[in-house]
PDB file of all heavy atoms in Angstrom:
ATOM      1  N   ALA A   1      93.235  58.171  67.394  1.00  0.00           N
ATOM      2  CA  ALA A   1      93.035  59.615  67.569  1.00  0.00           C
ATOM      3  C   ALA A   1      93.703  60.133  68.838  1.00  0.00           C
ATOM      4  O   ALA A   1      94.117  61.301  68.903  1.00  0.00           O
ATOM      5  CB  ALA A   1      91.542  59.933  67.599  1.00  0.00           C
ATOM      6  N   HIS A   2      93.838  59.286  69.869  1.00  0.00           N
ATOM      7  CA  HIS A   2      94.477  59.710  71.114  1.00  0.00           C
ATOM      8  C   HIS A   2      95.971  60.001  70.929  1.00  0.00           C
ATOM      9  O   HIS A   2      96.566  60.692  71.753  1.00  0.00           O
ATOM     10  CB  HIS A   2      94.306  58.639  72.196  1.00  0.00           C
ATOM     11  CG  HIS A   2      92.906  58.548  72.738  1.00  0.00           C
ATOM     12  ND1 HIS A   2      91.999  57.629  72.286  1.00  0.00           N
ATOM     13  CD2 HIS A   2      92.269  59.274  73.684  1.00  0.00           C
ATOM     14  CE1 HIS A   2      90.861  57.770  72.942  1.00  0.00           C
ATOM     15  NE2 HIS A   2      90.989  58.769  73.794  1.00  0.00           N
ATOM     16  N   LEU A   3      96.573  59.488  69.862  1.00  0.00           N
ATOM     17  CA  LEU A   3      97.993  59.721  69.644  1.00  0.00           C
ATOM     18  C   LEU A   3      98.311  61.197  69.429  1.00  0.00           C
ATOM     19  O   LEU A   3      99.427  61.651  69.703  1.00  0.00           O
ATOM     20  CB  LEU A   3      98.483  58.914  68.436  1.00  0.00           C
ATOM     21  CG  LEU A   3      98.563  57.395  68.607  1.00  0.00           C
ATOM     22  CD1 LEU A   3      98.847  56.722  67.272  1.00  0.00           C
ATOM     23  CD2 LEU A   3      99.623  57.017  69.629  1.00  0.00           C
ATOM     24  N   ASP A   4      97.340  61.948  68.954  1.00  0.00           N
ATOM     25  CA  ASP A   4      97.573  63.361  68.661  1.00  0.00           C
ATOM     26  C   ASP A   4      97.006  64.289  69.728  1.00  0.00           C
ATOM     27  O   ASP A   4      96.771  65.472  69.474  1.00  0.00           O
ATOM     28  CB  ASP A   4      96.991  63.699  67.281  1.00  0.00           C
ATOM     29  CG  ASP A   4      97.731  62.980  66.162  1.00  0.00           C
ATOM     30  OD1 ASP A   4      98.980  63.026  66.156  1.00  0.00           O
ATOM     31  OD2 ASP A   4      97.073  62.353  65.320  1.00  0.00           O
ATOM     32  N   ARG A   5      96.830  63.740  70.932  1.00  0.00           N
ATOM     33  CA  ARG A   5      96.378  64.561  72.068  1.00  0.00           C
ATOM     34  C   ARG A   5      97.528  64.776  73.047  1.00  0.00           C
ATOM     35  O   ARG A   5      98.459  63.975  73.134  1.00  0.00           O
ATOM     36  CB  ARG A   5      95.214  63.888  72.796  1.00  0.00           C
ATOM     37  CG  ARG A   5      93.957  63.754  71.945  1.00  0.00           C
ATOM     38  CD  ARG A   5      92.813  63.181  72.747  1.00  0.00           C
ATOM     39  NE  ARG A   5      91.659  62.903  71.910  1.00  0.00           N
ATOM     40  CZ  ARG A   5      90.527  62.371  72.349  1.00  0.00           C
ATOM     41  NH1 ARG A   5      90.411  62.047  73.640  1.00  0.00           N
ATOM     42  NH2 ARG A   5      89.526  62.158  71.525  1.00  0.00           N
ATOM     43  N   TYR A   6      97.427  65.883  73.787  1.00  0.00           N
ATOM     44  CA  TYR A   6      98.345  66.129  74.893  1.00  0.00           C
ATOM     45  C   TYR A   6      97.780  65.473  76.152  1.00  0.00           C
ATOM     46  O   TYR A   6      96.555  65.257  76.254  1.00  0.00           O
ATOM     47  CB  TYR A   6      98.510  67.631  75.128  1.00  0.00           C
ATOM     48  CG  TYR A   6      99.314  68.327  74.053  1.00  0.00           C
ATOM     49  CD1 TYR A   6      98.676  69.000  73.011  1.00  0.00           C
ATOM     50  CD2 TYR A   6     100.707  68.308  74.095  1.00  0.00           C
ATOM     51  CE1 TYR A   6      99.414  69.650  72.021  1.00  0.00           C
ATOM     52  CE2 TYR A   6     101.459  68.956  73.107  1.00  0.00           C
ATOM     53  CZ  TYR A   6     100.807  69.619  72.075  1.00  0.00           C
ATOM     54  OH  TYR A   6     101.542  70.250  71.109  1.00  0.00           O
ATOM     55  N   PRO A   7      98.641  65.157  77.128  1.00  0.00           N
ATOM     56  CA  PRO A   7      98.140  64.513  78.350  1.00  0.00           C
ATOM     57  C   PRO A   7      97.004  65.272  79.031  1.00  0.00           C
ATOM     58  O   PRO A   7      96.062  64.649  79.539  1.00  0.00           O
ATOM     59  CB  PRO A   7      99.388  64.459  79.245  1.00  0.00           C
ATOM     60  CG  PRO A   7     100.517  64.343  78.272  1.00  0.00           C
ATOM     61  CD  PRO A   7     100.120  65.204  77.108  1.00  0.00           C
ATOM     62  N   HIS A   8      97.043  66.617  79.041  1.00  0.00           N
ATOM     63  CA  HIS A   8      95.989  67.368  79.741  1.00  0.00           C
ATOM     64  C   HIS A   8      94.636  67.285  79.031  1.00  0.00           C
ATOM     65  O   HIS A   8      93.611  67.661  79.600  1.00  0.00           O
ATOM     66  CB  HIS A   8      96.405  68.845  79.904  1.00  0.00           C
ATOM     67  CG  HIS A   8      96.364  69.641  78.625  1.00  0.00           C
ATOM     68  ND1 HIS A   8      97.467  69.752  77.796  1.00  0.00           N
ATOM     69  CD2 HIS A   8      95.363  70.344  78.025  1.00  0.00           C
ATOM     70  CE1 HIS A   8      97.151  70.507  76.753  1.00  0.00           C
ATOM     71  NE2 HIS A   8      95.874  70.871  76.860  1.00  0.00           N
ATOM     72  N   GLU A   9      94.640  66.783  77.805  1.00  0.00           N
ATOM     73  CA  GLU A   9      93.389  66.637  77.059  1.00  0.00           C
ATOM     74  C   GLU A   9      92.746  65.270  77.304  1.00  0.00           C
ATOM     75  O   GLU A   9      91.732  64.948  76.676  1.00  0.00           O
ATOM     76  CB  GLU A   9      93.657  66.815  75.566  1.00  0.00           C
ATOM     77  CG  GLU A   9      94.172  68.192  75.195  1.00  0.00           C
ATOM     78  CD  GLU A   9      94.533  68.322  73.726  1.00  0.00           C
ATOM     79  OE1 GLU A   9      95.204  67.409  73.199  1.00  0.00           O
ATOM     80  OE2 GLU A   9      94.133  69.329  73.115  1.00  0.00           O
ATOM     81  N   MET A  10      93.322  64.499  78.235  1.00  0.00           N
ATOM     82  CA  MET A  10      92.841  63.149  78.499  1.00  0.00           C
ATOM     83  C   MET A  10      92.466  63.010  79.958  1.00  0.00           C
ATOM     84  O   MET A  10      92.913  63.777  80.813  1.00  0.00           O
ATOM     85  CB  MET A  10      93.917  62.128  78.118  1.00  0.00           C
ATOM     86  CG  MET A  10      94.438  62.283  76.703  1.00  0.00           C
ATOM     87  SD  MET A  10      95.850  61.220  76.341  1.00  0.00           S
ATOM     88  CE  MET A  10      95.020  59.651  76.147  1.00  0.00           C
ATOM     89  N   SER A  11      91.635  62.014  80.255  1.00  0.00           N
ATOM     90  CA  SER A  11      91.259  61.727  81.641  1.00  0.00           C
ATOM     91  C   SER A  11      92.391  61.017  82.361  1.00  0.00           C
ATOM     92  O   SER A  11      93.358  60.547  81.731  1.00  0.00           O
ATOM     93  CB  SER A  11      90.002  60.855  81.662  1.00  0.00           C
ATOM     94  OG  SER A  11      90.298  59.554  81.156  1.00  0.00           O
ATOM     95  N   GLY A  12      92.286  60.911  83.673  1.00  0.00           N
ATOM     96  CA  GLY A  12      93.311  60.212  84.448  1.00  0.00           C
ATOM     97  C   GLY A  12      93.477  58.769  84.029  1.00  0.00           C
ATOM     98  O   GLY A  12      94.605  58.257  83.921  1.00  0.00           O
ATOM     99  N   GLY A  13      92.365  58.090  83.779  1.00  0.00           N
ATOM    100  CA  GLY A  13      92.439  56.701  83.340  1.00  0.00           C
ATOM    101  C   GLY A  13      93.083  56.562  81.976  1.00  0.00           C
ATOM    102  O   GLY A  13      93.872  55.633  81.736  1.00  0.00           O
ATOM    103  N   GLN A  14      92.783  57.487  81.078  1.00  0.00           N
ATOM    104  CA  GLN A  14      93.401  57.451  79.750  1.00  0.00           C
ATOM    105  C   GLN A  14      94.897  57.717  79.836  1.00  0.00           C
ATOM    106  O   GLN A  14      95.684  57.078  79.138  1.00  0.00           O
ATOM    107  CB  GLN A  14      92.718  58.474  78.848  1.00  0.00           C
ATOM    108  CG  GLN A  14      91.303  58.098  78.450  1.00  0.00           C
ATOM    109  CD  GLN A  14      90.580  59.211  77.718  1.00  0.00           C
ATOM    110  OE1 GLN A  14      90.914  60.399  77.864  1.00  0.00           O
ATOM    111  NE2 GLN A  14      89.593  58.851  76.922  1.00  0.00           N
ATOM    112  N   ARG A  15      95.295  58.653  80.698  1.00  0.00           N
ATOM    113  CA  ARG A  15      96.721  58.936  80.857  1.00  0.00           C
ATOM    114  C   ARG A  15      97.465  57.718  81.411  1.00  0.00           C
ATOM    115  O   ARG A  15      98.589  57.430  80.999  1.00  0.00           O
ATOM    116  CB  ARG A  15      96.919  60.144  81.775  1.00  0.00           C
ATOM    117  CG  ARG A  15      96.586  61.473  81.125  1.00  0.00           C
ATOM    118  CD  ARG A  15      97.081  62.644  81.949  1.00  0.00           C
ATOM    119  NE  ARG A  15      96.368  62.788  83.204  1.00  0.00           N
ATOM    120  CZ  ARG A  15      95.288  63.536  83.379  1.00  0.00           C
ATOM    121  NH1 ARG A  15      94.772  64.221  82.357  1.00  0.00           N
ATOM    122  NH2 ARG A  15      94.705  63.629  84.561  1.00  0.00           N
ATOM    123  N   GLN A  16      96.816  57.005  82.339  1.00  0.00           N
ATOM    124  CA  GLN A  16      97.479  55.816  82.865  1.00  0.00           C
ATOM    125  C   GLN A  16      97.575  54.729  81.804  1.00  0.00           C
ATOM    126  O   GLN A  16      98.556  53.971  81.765  1.00  0.00           O
ATOM    127  CB  GLN A  16      96.761  55.294  84.108  1.00  0.00           C
ATOM    128  CG  GLN A  16      97.550  54.261  84.898  1.00  0.00           C
ATOM    129  CD  GLN A  16      98.875  54.764  85.414  1.00  0.00           C
ATOM    130  OE1 GLN A  16      99.779  55.074  84.646  1.00  0.00           O
ATOM    131  NE2 GLN A  16      99.000  54.854  86.734  1.00  0.00           N
ATOM    132  N   ARG A  17      96.606  54.654  80.921  1.00  0.00           N
ATOM    133  CA  ARG A  17      96.693  53.706  79.801  1.00  0.00           C
ATOM    134  C   ARG A  17      97.879  54.052  78.898  1.00  0.00           C
ATOM    135  O   ARG A  17      98.581  53.162  78.396  1.00  0.00           O
ATOM    136  CB  ARG A  17      95.388  53.705  78.994  1.00  0.00           C
ATOM    137  CG  ARG A  17      94.214  53.046  79.723  1.00  0.00           C
ATOM    138  CD  ARG A  17      92.910  53.221  78.953  1.00  0.00           C
ATOM    139  NE  ARG A  17      91.780  52.744  79.718  1.00  0.00           N
ATOM    140  CZ  ARG A  17      91.261  51.516  79.626  1.00  0.00           C
ATOM    141  NH1 ARG A  17      91.789  50.639  78.790  1.00  0.00           N
ATOM    142  NH2 ARG A  17      90.223  51.167  80.361  1.00  0.00           N
ATOM    143  N   VAL A  18      98.117  55.348  78.709  1.00  0.00           N
ATOM    144  CA  VAL A  18      99.280  55.772  77.933  1.00  0.00           C
ATOM    145  C   VAL A  18     100.560  55.365  78.651  1.00  0.00           C
ATOM    146  O   VAL A  18     101.522  54.898  78.024  1.00  0.00           O
ATOM    147  CB  VAL A  18      99.253  57.296  77.697  1.00  0.00           C
ATOM    148  CG1 VAL A  18     100.560  57.766  77.051  1.00  0.00           C
ATOM    149  CG2 VAL A  18      98.071  57.686  76.814  1.00  0.00           C
ATOM    150  N   GLY A  19     100.588  55.539  79.982  1.00  0.00           N
ATOM    151  CA  GLY A  19     101.756  55.119  80.753  1.00  0.00           C
ATOM    152  C   GLY A  19     102.021  53.634  80.616  1.00  0.00           C
ATOM    153  O   GLY A  19     103.186  53.199  80.517  1.00  0.00           O
ATOM    154  N   ILE A  20     100.967  52.836  80.597  1.00  0.00           N
ATOM    155  CA  ILE A  20     101.112  51.390  80.417  1.00  0.00           C
ATOM    156  C   ILE A  20     101.619  51.082  79.013  1.00  0.00           C
ATOM    157  O   ILE A  20     102.508  50.251  78.821  1.00  0.00           O
ATOM    158  CB  ILE A  20      99.773  50.685  80.694  1.00  0.00           C
ATOM    159  CG1 ILE A  20      99.388  50.832  82.174  1.00  0.00           C
ATOM    160  CG2 ILE A  20      99.842  49.212  80.302  1.00  0.00           C
ATOM    161  CD1 ILE A  20      97.964  50.417  82.482  1.00  0.00           C
ATOM    162  N   ALA A  21     101.068  51.792  78.017  1.00  0.00           N
ATOM    163  CA  ALA A  21     101.508  51.580  76.635  1.00  0.00           C
ATOM    164  C   ALA A  21     102.986  51.922  76.480  1.00  0.00           C
ATOM    165  O   ALA A  21     103.729  51.210  75.791  1.00  0.00           O
ATOM    166  CB  ALA A  21     100.664  52.429  75.684  1.00  0.00           C
ATOM    167  N   ARG A  22     103.424  52.989  77.117  1.00  0.00           N
ATOM    168  CA  ARG A  22     104.837  53.374  77.037  1.00  0.00           C
ATOM    169  C   ARG A  22     105.723  52.292  77.661  1.00  0.00           C
ATOM    170  O   ARG A  22     106.780  51.949  77.119  1.00  0.00           O
ATOM    171  CB  ARG A  22     105.069  54.711  77.736  1.00  0.00           C
ATOM    172  CG  ARG A  22     106.512  55.197  77.645  1.00  0.00           C
ATOM    173  CD  ARG A  22     106.692  56.541  78.302  1.00  0.00           C
ATOM    174  NE  ARG A  22     106.339  56.509  79.717  1.00  0.00           N
ATOM    175  CZ  ARG A  22     106.360  57.569  80.516  1.00  0.00           C
ATOM    176  NH1 ARG A  22     106.703  58.751  80.027  1.00  0.00           N
ATOM    177  NH2 ARG A  22     106.027  57.458  81.786  1.00  0.00           N
ATOM    178  N   ALA A  23     105.294  51.731  78.780  1.00  0.00           N
ATOM    179  CA  ALA A  23     106.079  50.680  79.429  1.00  0.00           C
ATOM    180  C   ALA A  23     106.168  49.431  78.553  1.00  0.00           C
ATOM    181  O   ALA A  23     107.176  48.717  78.581  1.00  0.00           O
ATOM    182  CB  ALA A  23     105.468  50.332  80.780  1.00  0.00           C
ATOM    183  N   LEU A  24     105.123  49.173  77.765  1.00  0.00           N
ATOM    184  CA  LEU A  24     105.091  47.953  76.952  1.00  0.00           C
ATOM    185  C   LEU A  24     105.639  48.156  75.546  1.00  0.00           C
ATOM    186  O   LEU A  24     105.715  47.193  74.774  1.00  0.00           O
ATOM    187  CB  LEU A  24     103.650  47.440  76.851  1.00  0.00           C
ATOM    188  CG  LEU A  24     102.976  47.043  78.165  1.00  0.00           C
ATOM    189  CD1 LEU A  24     101.567  46.552  77.903  1.00  0.00           C
ATOM    190  CD2 LEU A  24     103.777  45.988  78.903  1.00  0.00           C
ATOM    191  N   ALA A  25     106.036  49.378  75.215  1.00  0.00           N
ATOM    192  CA  ALA A  25     106.406  49.707  73.833  1.00  0.00           C
ATOM    193  C   ALA A  25     107.495  48.801  73.279  1.00  0.00           C
ATOM    194  O   ALA A  25     107.453  48.411  72.109  1.00  0.00           O
ATOM    195  CB  ALA A  25     106.836  51.172  73.750  1.00  0.00           C
ATOM    196  N   ILE A  26     108.478  48.447  74.107  1.00  0.00           N
ATOM    197  CA  ILE A  26     109.633  47.680  73.615  1.00  0.00           C
ATOM    198  C   ILE A  26     109.592  46.221  74.063  1.00  0.00           C
ATOM    199  O   ILE A  26     110.618  45.549  74.166  1.00  0.00           O
ATOM    200  CB  ILE A  26     110.942  48.351  74.052  1.00  0.00           C
ATOM    201  CG1 ILE A  26     110.946  48.602  75.566  1.00  0.00           C
ATOM    202  CG2 ILE A  26     111.151  49.657  73.289  1.00  0.00           C
ATOM    203  CD1 ILE A  26     112.237  49.174  76.090  1.00  0.00           C
ATOM    204  N   ASN A  27     108.379  45.746  74.369  1.00  0.00           N
ATOM    205  CA  ASN A  27     108.163  44.337  74.712  1.00  0.00           C
ATOM    206  C   ASN A  27     109.006  43.864  75.899  1.00  0.00           C
ATOM    207  O   ASN A  27     109.792  42.909  75.785  1.00  0.00           O
ATOM    208  CB  ASN A  27     108.449  43.439  73.497  1.00  0.00           C
ATOM    209  CG  ASN A  27     107.456  43.635  72.391  1.00  0.00           C
ATOM    210  OD1 ASN A  27     106.247  43.658  72.623  1.00  0.00           O
ATOM    211  ND2 ASN A  27     107.947  43.815  71.172  1.00  0.00           N
ATOM    212  N   PRO A  28     108.861  44.500  77.065  1.00  0.00           N
ATOM    213  CA  PRO A  28     109.612  44.040  78.239  1.00  0.00           C
ATOM    214  C   PRO A  28     109.061  42.711  78.741  1.00  0.00           C
ATOM    215  O   PRO A  28     107.969  42.286  78.354  1.00  0.00           O
ATOM    216  CB  PRO A  28     109.368  45.152  79.260  1.00  0.00           C
ATOM    217  CG  PRO A  28     107.994  45.644  78.920  1.00  0.00           C
ATOM    218  CD  PRO A  28     107.931  45.583  77.412  1.00  0.00           C
ATOM    219  N   GLU A  29     109.822  42.088  79.614  1.00  0.00           N
ATOM    220  CA  GLU A  29     109.375  40.843  80.233  1.00  0.00           C
ATOM    221  C   GLU A  29     108.899  41.059  81.662  1.00  0.00           C
ATOM    222  O   GLU A  29     108.163  40.248  82.205  1.00  0.00           O
ATOM    223  CB  GLU A  29     110.529  39.833  80.229  1.00  0.00           C
ATOM    224  CG  GLU A  29     111.016  39.468  78.836  1.00  0.00           C
ATOM    225  CD  GLU A  29     112.314  38.692  78.891  1.00  0.00           C
ATOM    226  OE1 GLU A  29     113.375  39.299  79.113  1.00  0.00           O
ATOM    227  OE2 GLU A  29     112.242  37.457  78.728  1.00  0.00           O
TER     228      GLU A  29
END
């Protein structure tokens, strides 16, 4: 359900989780 939210609709911790997910999207090392 969080996929269809804008960043301002999320808490700071949730936004940072999104930032982590974006960094891991393409399986970096």
